[in-house]
C-alpha atoms as a PDB file:
ATOM      1  CA  MET A   1      17.930 -12.965 -23.822  1.00  0.00           C
ATOM      2  CA  ALA A   2      18.007  -9.720 -25.705  1.00  0.00           C
ATOM      3  CA  GLU A   3      14.985  -7.796 -26.474  1.00  0.00           C
ATOM      4  CA  GLY A   4      15.262  -4.600 -28.586  1.00  0.00           C
ATOM      5  CA  ARG A   5      17.846  -2.360 -26.986  1.00  0.00           C
ATOM      6  CA  GLU A   6      17.614  -4.036 -23.637  1.00  0.00           C
ATOM      7  CA  HIS A   7      18.948  -7.211 -22.262  1.00  0.00           C
ATOM      8  CA  MET A   8      16.300  -9.307 -20.167  1.00  0.00           C
ATOM      9  CA  GLU A   9      16.321 -12.400 -18.063  1.00  0.00           C
ATOM     10  CA  ARG A  10      13.218 -14.157 -16.763  1.00  0.00           C
ATOM     11  CA  ILE A  11      12.870 -16.500 -13.856  1.00  0.00           C
ATOM     12  CA  GLU A  12       9.568 -18.408 -13.861  1.00  0.00           C
ATOM     13  CA  GLU A  13       8.349 -20.803 -11.193  1.00  0.00           C
ATOM     14  CA  GLN A  14       5.078 -22.435 -10.118  1.00  0.00           C
ATOM     15  CA  PHE A  15       4.230 -23.956  -6.722  1.00  0.00           C
ATOM     16  CA  ILE A  16       1.180 -26.069  -5.668  1.00  0.00           C
ATOM     17  CA  VAL A  17      -0.241 -24.608  -2.420  1.00  0.00           C
ATOM     18  CA  GLU A  18      -3.441 -24.460  -0.351  1.00  0.00           C
ATOM     19  CA  PRO A  19      -5.517 -21.318   0.278  1.00  0.00           C
ATOM     20  CA  GLY A  20      -4.420 -19.418   3.446  1.00  0.00           C
ATOM     21  CA  GLY A  21      -0.608 -19.579   2.859  1.00  0.00           C
ATOM     22  CA  THR A  22       1.667 -16.606   2.576  1.00  0.00           C
ATOM     23  CA  LEU A  23       3.609 -15.103  -0.330  1.00  0.00           C
ATOM     24  CA  THR A  24       6.511 -13.113   0.846  1.00  0.00           C
ATOM     25  CA  ILE A  25       8.664 -10.892  -1.423  1.00  0.00           C
ATOM     26  CA  ASP A  26      11.800  -9.021  -0.094  1.00  0.00           C
ATOM     27  CA  ALA A  27      13.450  -7.216  -3.032  1.00  0.00           C
ATOM     28  CA  ASP A  28      16.229  -4.656  -3.096  1.00  0.00           C
ATOM     29  CA  LEU A  29      14.681  -3.200  -6.294  1.00  0.00           C
ATOM     30  CA  GLY A  30      11.801  -3.526  -8.593  1.00  0.00           C
ATOM     31  CA  ASP A  31       7.920  -3.253  -8.937  1.00  0.00           C
ATOM     32  CA  ILE A  32       5.604  -5.910  -7.430  1.00  0.00           C
ATOM     33  CA  ARG A  33       2.335  -6.803  -8.939  1.00  0.00           C
ATOM     34  CA  ILE A  34       0.000  -9.452  -7.436  1.00  0.00           C
ATOM     35  CA  ASP A  35      -3.022 -10.972  -9.067  1.00  0.00           C
ATOM     36  CA  THR A  36      -5.392 -13.718  -8.046  1.00  0.00           C
ATOM     37  CA  TRP A  37      -6.885 -16.806  -9.784  1.00  0.00           C
ATOM     38  CA  ASP A  38      -8.905 -19.905  -9.104  1.00  0.00           C
ATOM     39  CA  GLU A  39      -5.902 -22.309  -9.089  1.00  0.00           C
ATOM     40  CA  ASN A  40      -4.448 -23.647  -5.861  1.00  0.00           C
ATOM     41  CA  LYS A  41      -1.028 -22.537  -7.149  1.00  0.00           C
ATOM     42  CA  VAL A  42       1.389 -19.660  -6.800  1.00  0.00           C
ATOM     43  CA  ASP A  43       2.611 -18.739 -10.221  1.00  0.00           C
ATOM     44  CA  VAL A  44       5.886 -16.471 -10.188  1.00  0.00           C
ATOM     45  CA  LEU A  45       7.534 -14.500 -12.795  1.00  0.00           C
ATOM     46  CA  VAL A  46      10.668 -12.335 -11.942  1.00  0.00           C
ATOM     47  CA  GLU A  47      12.008 -10.146 -14.691  1.00  0.00           C
ATOM     48  CA  LYS A  48      15.370  -8.338 -14.680  1.00  0.00           C
ATOM     49  CA  TRP A  49      16.526  -6.024 -17.556  1.00  0.00           C
ATOM     50  CA  ILE A  50      19.202  -3.541 -18.453  1.00  0.00           C
ATOM     51  CA  ALA A  51      20.050  -1.198 -21.277  1.00  0.00           C
ATOM     52  CA  ARG A  52      22.063  -3.130 -23.744  1.00  0.00           C
ATOM     53  CA  TYR A  53      25.171  -1.194 -23.926  1.00  0.00           C
ATOM     54  CA  SER A  54      27.360  -4.320 -24.077  1.00  0.00           C
ATOM     55  CA  GLU A  55      25.805  -7.900 -23.910  1.00  0.00           C
ATOM     56  CA  ALA A  56      28.651  -9.420 -21.930  1.00  0.00           C
ATOM     57  CA  LYS A  57      28.725  -6.663 -19.389  1.00  0.00           C
ATOM     58  CA  ALA A  58      24.737  -6.618 -19.298  1.00  0.00           C
ATOM     59  CA  ARG A  59      24.842 -10.377 -18.489  1.00  0.00           C
ATOM     60  CA  ARG A  60      27.358  -9.897 -15.684  1.00  0.00           C
ATOM     61  CA  GLU A  61      25.340  -7.063 -13.965  1.00  0.00           C
ATOM     62  CA  LEU A  62      22.048  -9.030 -14.365  1.00  0.00           C
ATOM     63  CA  GLU A  63      23.832 -12.044 -12.731  1.00  0.00           C
ATOM     64  CA  ASP A  64      24.914  -9.730  -9.870  1.00  0.00           C
ATOM     65  CA  VAL A  65      21.297  -9.239  -8.918  1.00  0.00           C
ATOM     66  CA  GLU A  66      20.522 -12.550  -7.308  1.00  0.00           C
ATOM     67  CA  VAL A  67      17.056 -14.096  -7.346  1.00  0.00           C
ATOM     68  CA  ASP A  68      15.902 -16.903  -4.981  1.00  0.00           C
ATOM     69  CA  VAL A  69      12.474 -18.291  -5.255  1.00  0.00           C
ATOM     70  CA  SER A  70      11.573 -21.179  -2.739  1.00  0.00           C
ATOM     71  CA  GLN A  71       8.660 -22.892  -1.052  1.00  0.00           C
ATOM     72  CA  HIS A  72       8.322 -24.059   2.654  1.00  0.00           C
ATOM     73  CA  ALA A  73       5.132 -25.972   3.324  1.00  0.00           C
ATOM     74  CA  ASN A  74       2.332 -23.705   2.250  1.00  0.00           C
ATOM     75  CA  ASP A  75       4.327 -20.487   1.889  1.00  0.00           C
ATOM     76  CA  VAL A  76       6.341 -19.127  -1.029  1.00  0.00           C
ATOM     77  CA  ARG A  77       9.250 -16.661  -0.742  1.00  0.00           C
ATOM     78  CA  ILE A  78      10.860 -14.481  -3.360  1.00  0.00           C
ATOM     79  CA  GLU A  79      14.201 -12.733  -2.639  1.00  0.00           C
ATOM     80  CA  VAL A  80      15.869 -10.262  -5.025  1.00  0.00           C
ATOM     81  CA  ASN A  81      19.363  -9.075  -3.697  1.00  0.00           C
ATOM     82  CA  LYS A  82      21.721  -6.681  -5.285  1.00  0.00           C
ATOM     83  CA  PRO A  83      25.339  -6.310  -4.042  1.00  0.00           C
ATOM     84  CA  ARG A  84      26.162  -3.482  -1.647  1.00  0.00           C
ATOM     85  CA  TRP A  85      28.574  -2.098  -4.202  1.00  0.00           C
ATOM     86  CA  PHE A  86      25.739  -1.994  -6.769  1.00  0.00           C
ATOM     87  CA  LYS A  87      25.079   1.702  -6.560  1.00  0.00           C
ATOM     88  CA  ARG A  88      24.158   2.943 -10.005  1.00  0.00           C
ATOM     89  CA  ASN A  89      21.086   0.757  -9.997  1.00  0.00           C
ATOM     90  CA  ARG A  90      21.035   0.270 -13.856  1.00  0.00           C
ATOM     91  CA  VAL A  91      19.212  -3.006 -13.639  1.00  0.00           C
ATOM     92  CA  ARG A  92      15.529  -2.795 -13.323  1.00  0.00           C
ATOM     93  CA  ALA A  93      13.192  -5.578 -12.029  1.00  0.00           C
ATOM     94  CA  LYS A  94       9.563  -6.609 -11.680  1.00  0.00           C
ATOM     95  CA  MET A  95       8.129  -9.417  -9.635  1.00  0.00           C
ATOM     96  CA  THR A  96       4.752 -10.686 -10.834  1.00  0.00           C
ATOM     97  CA  ALA A  97       2.783 -13.366  -9.125  1.00  0.00           C
ATOM     98  CA  ARG A  98      -0.714 -15.050  -9.129  1.00  0.00           C
ATOM     99  CA  VAL A  99      -1.927 -16.501  -5.911  1.00  0.00           C
ATOM    100  CA  PRO A 100      -5.148 -18.151  -4.756  1.00  0.00           C
ATOM    101  CA  GLY A 101      -7.971 -15.825  -3.960  1.00  0.00           C
ATOM    102  CA  SER A 102      -7.575 -16.651  -0.254  1.00  0.00           C
ATOM    103  CA  PHE A 103      -3.933 -15.907   0.572  1.00  0.00           C
ATOM    104  CA  ASN A 104      -1.648 -13.670   2.626  1.00  0.00           C
ATOM    105  CA  LEU A 105       0.838 -11.231   1.372  1.00  0.00           C
ATOM    106  CA  ASP A 106       4.115  -9.831   2.886  1.00  0.00           C
ATOM    107  CA  LEU A 107       5.665  -7.477   0.243  1.00  0.00           C
ATOM    108  CA  LYS A 108       8.650  -5.259   0.483  1.00  0.00           C
ATOM    109  CA  THR A 109      10.731  -3.519  -2.189  1.00  0.00           C
ATOM    110  CA  ALA A 110      13.321  -0.824  -1.782  1.00  0.00           C
ATOM    111  CA  GLY A 111      12.753   0.867  -5.203  1.00  0.00           C
ATOM    112  CA  GLY A 112       9.362   0.403  -7.003  1.00  0.00           C
ATOM    113  CA  ASP A 113       5.648   0.381  -6.987  1.00  0.00           C
ATOM    114  CA  ILE A 114       3.341  -2.326  -5.356  1.00  0.00           C
ATOM    115  CA  GLU A 115       0.032  -3.338  -6.950  1.00  0.00           C
ATOM    116  CA  VAL A 116      -2.360  -5.863  -5.316  1.00  0.00           C
ATOM    117  CA  ALA A 117      -5.646  -7.227  -6.761  1.00  0.00           C
ATOM    118  CA  ASP A 118      -8.750  -8.149  -4.758  1.00  0.00           C
ATOM    119  CA  LEU A 119      -7.890 -10.695  -2.027  1.00  0.00           C
ATOM    120  CA  GLN A 120      -9.139 -12.547   1.050  1.00  0.00           C
ATOM    121  CA  GLY A 121      -6.302 -12.328   3.597  1.00  0.00           C
ATOM    122  CA  ASN A 122      -3.827 -10.129   5.244  1.00  0.00           C
ATOM    123  CA  VAL A 123      -1.801  -7.748   3.163  1.00  0.00           C
ATOM    124  CA  LYS A 124       1.421  -5.964   4.304  1.00  0.00           C
ATOM    125  CA  ALA A 125       3.077  -3.886   1.732  1.00  0.00           C
ATOM    126  CA  GLY A 126       6.079  -1.505   2.010  1.00  0.00           C
ATOM    127  CA  THR A 127       8.275   0.513  -0.529  1.00  0.00           C
ATOM    128  CA  ALA A 128      10.980   3.023  -0.049  1.00  0.00           C
ATOM    129  CA  GLY A 129      10.370   4.584  -3.563  1.00  0.00           C
ATOM    130  CA  GLY A 130       6.974   4.129  -5.185  1.00  0.00           C
ATOM    131  CA  ASP A 131       3.166   4.045  -5.101  1.00  0.00           C
ATOM    132  CA  ILE A 132       0.974   1.466  -3.565  1.00  0.00           C
ATOM    133  CA  ASP A 133      -2.294   0.386  -5.173  1.00  0.00           C
ATOM    134  CA  ILE A 134      -4.382  -2.259  -3.395  1.00  0.00           C
ATOM    135  CA  GLY A 135      -7.812  -3.562  -4.404  1.00  0.00           C
ATOM    136  CA  THR A 136     -10.574  -4.803  -2.033  1.00  0.00           C
ATOM    137  CA  ILE A 137      -9.271  -6.839   0.884  1.00  0.00           C
ATOM    138  CA  THR A 138     -11.628  -8.989   2.969  1.00  0.00           C
ATOM    139  CA  GLU A 139     -11.234 -11.158   6.009  1.00  0.00           C
ATOM    140  CA  GLY A 140      -7.829  -9.678   6.764  1.00  0.00           C
ATOM    141  CA  ASP A 141      -5.893  -6.604   7.803  1.00  0.00           C
ATOM    142  CA  VAL A 142      -4.111  -4.130   5.569  1.00  0.00           C
ATOM    143  CA  LYS A 143      -0.790  -2.358   6.498  1.00  0.00           C
ATOM    144  CA  ALA A 144       0.982  -0.339   3.867  1.00  0.00           C
ATOM    145  CA  SER A 145       3.746   2.226   3.938  1.00  0.00           C
ATOM    146  CA  THR A 146       5.788   4.298   1.375  1.00  0.00           C
ATOM    147  CA  ALA A 147       8.402   6.826   1.716  1.00  0.00           C
ATOM    148  CA  GLY A 148       7.917   8.299  -1.622  1.00  0.00           C
ATOM    149  CA  GLY A 149       4.516   7.950  -3.169  1.00  0.00           C
ATOM    150  CA  ASP A 150       0.747   7.725  -2.893  1.00  0.00           C
ATOM    151  CA  ILE A 151      -1.400   4.919  -1.326  1.00  0.00           C
ATOM    152  CA  GLN A 152      -4.762   3.865  -2.754  1.00  0.00           C
ATOM    153  CA  VAL A 153      -6.926   1.187  -1.173  1.00  0.00           C
ATOM    154  CA  ARG A 154     -10.285   0.258  -2.731  1.00  0.00           C
ATOM    155  CA  GLY A 155     -11.493  -1.834   0.065  1.00  0.00           C
ATOM    156  CA  GLY A 156      -9.768  -1.927   3.465  1.00  0.00           C
ATOM    157  CA  GLY A 157      -9.975  -4.954   5.728  1.00  0.00           C
ATOM    158  CA  ARG A 158     -10.771  -5.549   9.235  1.00  0.00           C
ATOM    159  CA  GLU A 159      -8.141  -3.032  10.166  1.00  0.00           C
ATOM    160  CA  THR A 160      -6.313  -0.744   7.811  1.00  0.00           C
ATOM    161  CA  ALA A 161      -3.028   1.208   8.727  1.00  0.00           C
ATOM    162  CA  LEU A 162      -1.478   3.310   6.089  1.00  0.00           C
ATOM    163  CA  SER A 163       1.448   5.818   6.072  1.00  0.00           C
ATOM    164  CA  THR A 164       3.443   7.910   3.489  1.00  0.00           C
ATOM    165  CA  THR A 165       5.946  10.655   3.893  1.00  0.00           C
ATOM    166  CA  GLY A 166       5.561  11.966   0.407  1.00  0.00           C
ATOM    167  CA  GLY A 167       2.004  11.546  -1.032  1.00  0.00           C
ATOM    168  CA  ASN A 168      -1.736  11.266  -0.724  1.00  0.00           C
ATOM    169  CA  ILE A 169      -3.800   8.510   0.831  1.00  0.00           C
ATOM    170  CA  THR A 170      -7.145   7.287  -0.439  1.00  0.00           C
ATOM    171  CA  VAL A 171      -9.452   4.641   1.070  1.00  0.00           C
ATOM    172  CA  ASP A 172     -12.662   4.069  -0.930  1.00  0.00           C
ATOM    173  CA  ARG A 173     -14.255   2.093   2.025  1.00  0.00           C
ATOM    174  CA  ALA A 174     -13.232  -0.126   4.804  1.00  0.00           C
ATOM    175  CA  GLU A 175     -14.792  -3.120   6.783  1.00  0.00           C
ATOM    176  CA  GLY A 176     -13.318  -1.864  10.029  1.00  0.00           C
ATOM    177  CA  GLY A 177     -11.019   0.932  11.369  1.00  0.00           C
ATOM    178  CA  VAL A 178      -8.573   3.105   9.463  1.00  0.00           C
ATOM    179  CA  THR A 179      -5.349   4.681  10.610  1.00  0.00           C
ATOM    180  CA  ALA A 180      -3.775   7.041   8.057  1.00  0.00           C
ATOM    181  CA  ARG A 181      -0.649   9.247   8.381  1.00  0.00           C
ATOM    182  CA  SER A 182       0.798  11.555   5.661  1.00  0.00           C
ATOM    183  CA  THR A 183       3.454  14.260   5.982  1.00  0.00           C
ATOM    184  CA  GLY A 184       3.057  15.572   2.472  1.00  0.00           C
ATOM    185  CA  GLY A 185      -0.475  15.037   1.114  1.00  0.00           C
ATOM    186  CA  ASN A 186      -4.266  14.799   1.365  1.00  0.00           C
ATOM    187  CA  ILE A 187      -6.190  12.000   3.026  1.00  0.00           C
ATOM    188  CA  GLU A 188      -9.548  10.815   1.666  1.00  0.00           C
ATOM    189  CA  ILE A 189     -11.410   7.997   3.497  1.00  0.00           C
ATOM    190  CA  GLY A 190     -14.828   6.694   2.454  1.00  0.00           C
ATOM    191  CA  ASP A 191     -17.384   4.859   4.664  1.00  0.00           C
ATOM    192  CA  THR A 192     -15.810   2.795   7.405  1.00  0.00           C
ATOM    193  CA  GLY A 193     -17.025   0.234   9.913  1.00  0.00           C
ATOM    194  CA  GLY A 194     -14.680   1.094  12.806  1.00  0.00           C
ATOM    195  CA  ASN A 195     -12.708   4.032  14.244  1.00  0.00           C
ATOM    196  CA  VAL A 196     -10.932   6.467  12.033  1.00  0.00           C
ATOM    197  CA  ASP A 197      -7.503   8.071  13.067  1.00  0.00           C
ATOM    198  CA  THR A 198      -5.928  10.404  10.590  1.00  0.00           C
ATOM    199  CA  LYS A 199      -3.225  12.991  10.625  1.00  0.00           C
ATOM    200  CA  THR A 200      -1.414  14.946   7.788  1.00  0.00           C
ATOM    201  CA  THR A 201       0.999  17.851   7.971  1.00  0.00           C
ATOM    202  CA  GLY A 202       0.331  19.049   4.399  1.00  0.00           C
ATOM    203  CA  GLY A 203      -3.052  18.604   3.008  1.00  0.00           C
ATOM    204  CA  ASN A 204      -6.950  18.305   3.472  1.00  0.00           C
ATOM    205  CA  ILE A 205      -8.724  15.515   5.257  1.00  0.00           C
ATOM    206  CA  GLY A 206     -12.037  14.132   3.944  1.00  0.00           C
ATOM    207  CA  ILE A 207     -13.929  11.307   5.771  1.00  0.00           C
ATOM    208  CA  GLY A 208     -17.244   9.572   4.853  1.00  0.00           C
ATOM    209  CA  ARG A 209     -19.708   7.824   7.190  1.00  0.00           C
ATOM    210  CA  VAL A 210     -17.975   6.326  10.271  1.00  0.00           C
ATOM    211  CA  GLN A 211     -19.498   3.595  12.444  1.00  0.00           C
ATOM    212  CA  GLY A 212     -16.992   4.500  15.332  1.00  0.00           C
ATOM    213  CA  ASN A 213     -14.979   7.405  16.668  1.00  0.00           C
ATOM    214  CA  VAL A 214     -12.942   9.869  14.600  1.00  0.00           C
ATOM    215  CA  THR A 215      -9.709  11.542  15.380  1.00  0.00           C
ATOM    216  CA  ALA A 216      -8.478  13.866  12.661  1.00  0.00           C
ATOM    217  CA  LYS A 217      -5.654  16.426  12.588  1.00  0.00           C
ATOM    218  CA  THR A 218      -4.103  18.620   9.904  1.00  0.00           C
ATOM    219  CA  THR A 219      -1.752  21.488   9.864  1.00  0.00           C
ATOM    220  CA  GLY A 220      -2.120  22.511   6.369  1.00  0.00           C
ATOM    221  CA  GLY A 221      -5.824  22.244   5.114  1.00  0.00           C
ATOM    222  CA  ASN A 222      -9.532  21.727   5.524  1.00  0.00           C
ATOM    223  CA  LEU A 223     -11.188  18.947   7.391  1.00  0.00           C
ATOM    224  CA  GLU A 224     -14.654  17.563   6.339  1.00  0.00           C
ATOM    225  CA  THR A 225     -16.540  14.457   7.553  1.00  0.00           C
ATOM    226  CA  GLY A 226     -19.800  12.656   6.875  1.00  0.00           C
ATOM    227  CA  PRO A 227     -22.089  11.334   9.729  1.00  0.00           C
ATOM    228  CA  ILE A 228     -20.148  10.008  12.705  1.00  0.00           C
ATOM    229  CA  LEU A 229     -21.890   7.510  15.009  1.00  0.00           C
ATOM    230  CA  GLY A 230     -19.263   7.881  17.784  1.00  0.00           C
ATOM    231  CA  ASN A 231     -17.114  10.732  19.157  1.00  0.00           C
ATOM    232  CA  VAL A 232     -15.095  13.257  17.163  1.00  0.00           C
ATOM    233  CA  ASP A 233     -11.831  14.977  17.968  1.00  0.00           C
ATOM    234  CA  ALA A 234     -10.867  17.225  15.073  1.00  0.00           C
ATOM    235  CA  LYS A 235      -8.198  19.951  14.848  1.00  0.00           C
ATOM    236  CA  THR A 236      -6.653  21.968  12.094  1.00  0.00           C
ATOM    237  CA  VAL A 237      -4.118  24.895  11.813  1.00  0.00           C
ATOM    238  CA  GLY A 238      -4.832  26.676   8.587  1.00  0.00           C
ATOM    239  CA  GLY A 239      -8.378  25.588   7.509  1.00  0.00           C
ATOM    240  CA  ASN A 240     -11.942  24.958   8.172  1.00  0.00           C
ATOM    241  CA  ILE A 241     -13.699  22.074   9.952  1.00  0.00           C
ATOM    242  CA  GLU A 242     -17.063  20.868   8.751  1.00  0.00           C
ATOM    243  CA  ILE A 243     -18.549  17.892  10.459  1.00  0.00           C
ATOM    244  CA  ASP A 244     -21.899  16.171   9.519  1.00  0.00           C
ATOM    245  CA  ASP A 245     -24.277  14.650  12.022  1.00  0.00           C
ATOM    246  CA  VAL A 246     -22.553  13.349  15.233  1.00  0.00           C
ATOM    247  CA  GLN A 247     -24.117  11.095  17.853  1.00  0.00           C
ATOM    248  CA  GLY A 248     -21.356  11.329  20.331  1.00  0.00           C
ATOM    249  CA  THR A 249     -19.290  14.067  21.826  1.00  0.00           C
ATOM    250  CA  VAL A 250     -17.466  16.700  19.768  1.00  0.00           C
ATOM    251  CA  ASN A 251     -14.066  18.374  20.395  1.00  0.00           C
ATOM    252  CA  THR A 252     -12.861  20.808  17.720  1.00  0.00           C
ATOM    253  CA  ASN A 253     -10.218  23.370  17.338  1.00  0.00           C
ATOM    254  CA  ALA A 254      -9.645  25.348  14.138  1.00  0.00           C
ATOM    255  CA  VAL A 255      -6.757  27.973  14.149  1.00  0.00           C
ATOM    256  CA  GLY A 256      -7.344  30.271  11.132  1.00  0.00           C
ATOM    257  CA  GLY A 257     -10.678  29.010  10.182  1.00  0.00           C
ATOM    258  CA  ARG A 258     -14.362  28.246  11.025  1.00  0.00           C
ATOM    259  CA  VAL A 259     -16.153  25.207  12.482  1.00  0.00           C
ATOM    260  CA  THR A 260     -19.451  23.868  11.351  1.00  0.00           C
ATOM    261  CA  VAL A 261     -20.991  21.024  13.249  1.00  0.00           C
ATOM    262  CA  GLY A 262     -24.283  19.134  12.830  1.00  0.00           C
ATOM    263  CA  VAL A 263     -25.698  17.184  15.732  1.00  0.00           C
ATOM    264  CA  GLN A 264     -28.254  14.484  15.662  1.00  0.00           C
END
């Protein structure tokens, strides 16, 4: 159907599931948004649209981007595939789904942002060209990577592993440990219940209260932590290191800056 100056197609499906299943999205293009609700159902909406320069041609190009939505037992899968010859990428897409509050996610897109609401379960998210925004995740692990954007996690799970080659990483807090890698931005991690392992080649590192050990390295900024209950290994080339109270051992090296350490 045509909407304004764009031509749009929608695919809507709904599946009955039980909590604890998995929603998998594997898309060659498009944004992904996942919400939760109290229903034991997965509600799916896939939208494709293109500038309406010719209705007939727009329909053909939309049809060339194939969408397959299926269910197997308690799992739901969405695939969005474009032909190999489809280079200009005029078609845009968005995958929106609502899942039970206790569910697992395996999300991948080659060209868009990923947004996930608060959830109980495991979350795996990857994009080659966008930002990742994840709510509070409980009773599960979080793994997210992007080659071209920022990563924000409001509440990390039992283990949280994040990487970006072109942006910042922010974790407000985490149940367990956090691993974070960036080659082009700052890393900010709040209070965590496990070990913290961070590395960036282009920014500052800030870490809150940590229940475990801390390994932190940056080659382009300052490094600052809150109280650490375990050991600390901190290095920077091009900035200062400031560490709050530490109960364990401390190993620091600052090339081009000063080191300040408080010890309980």
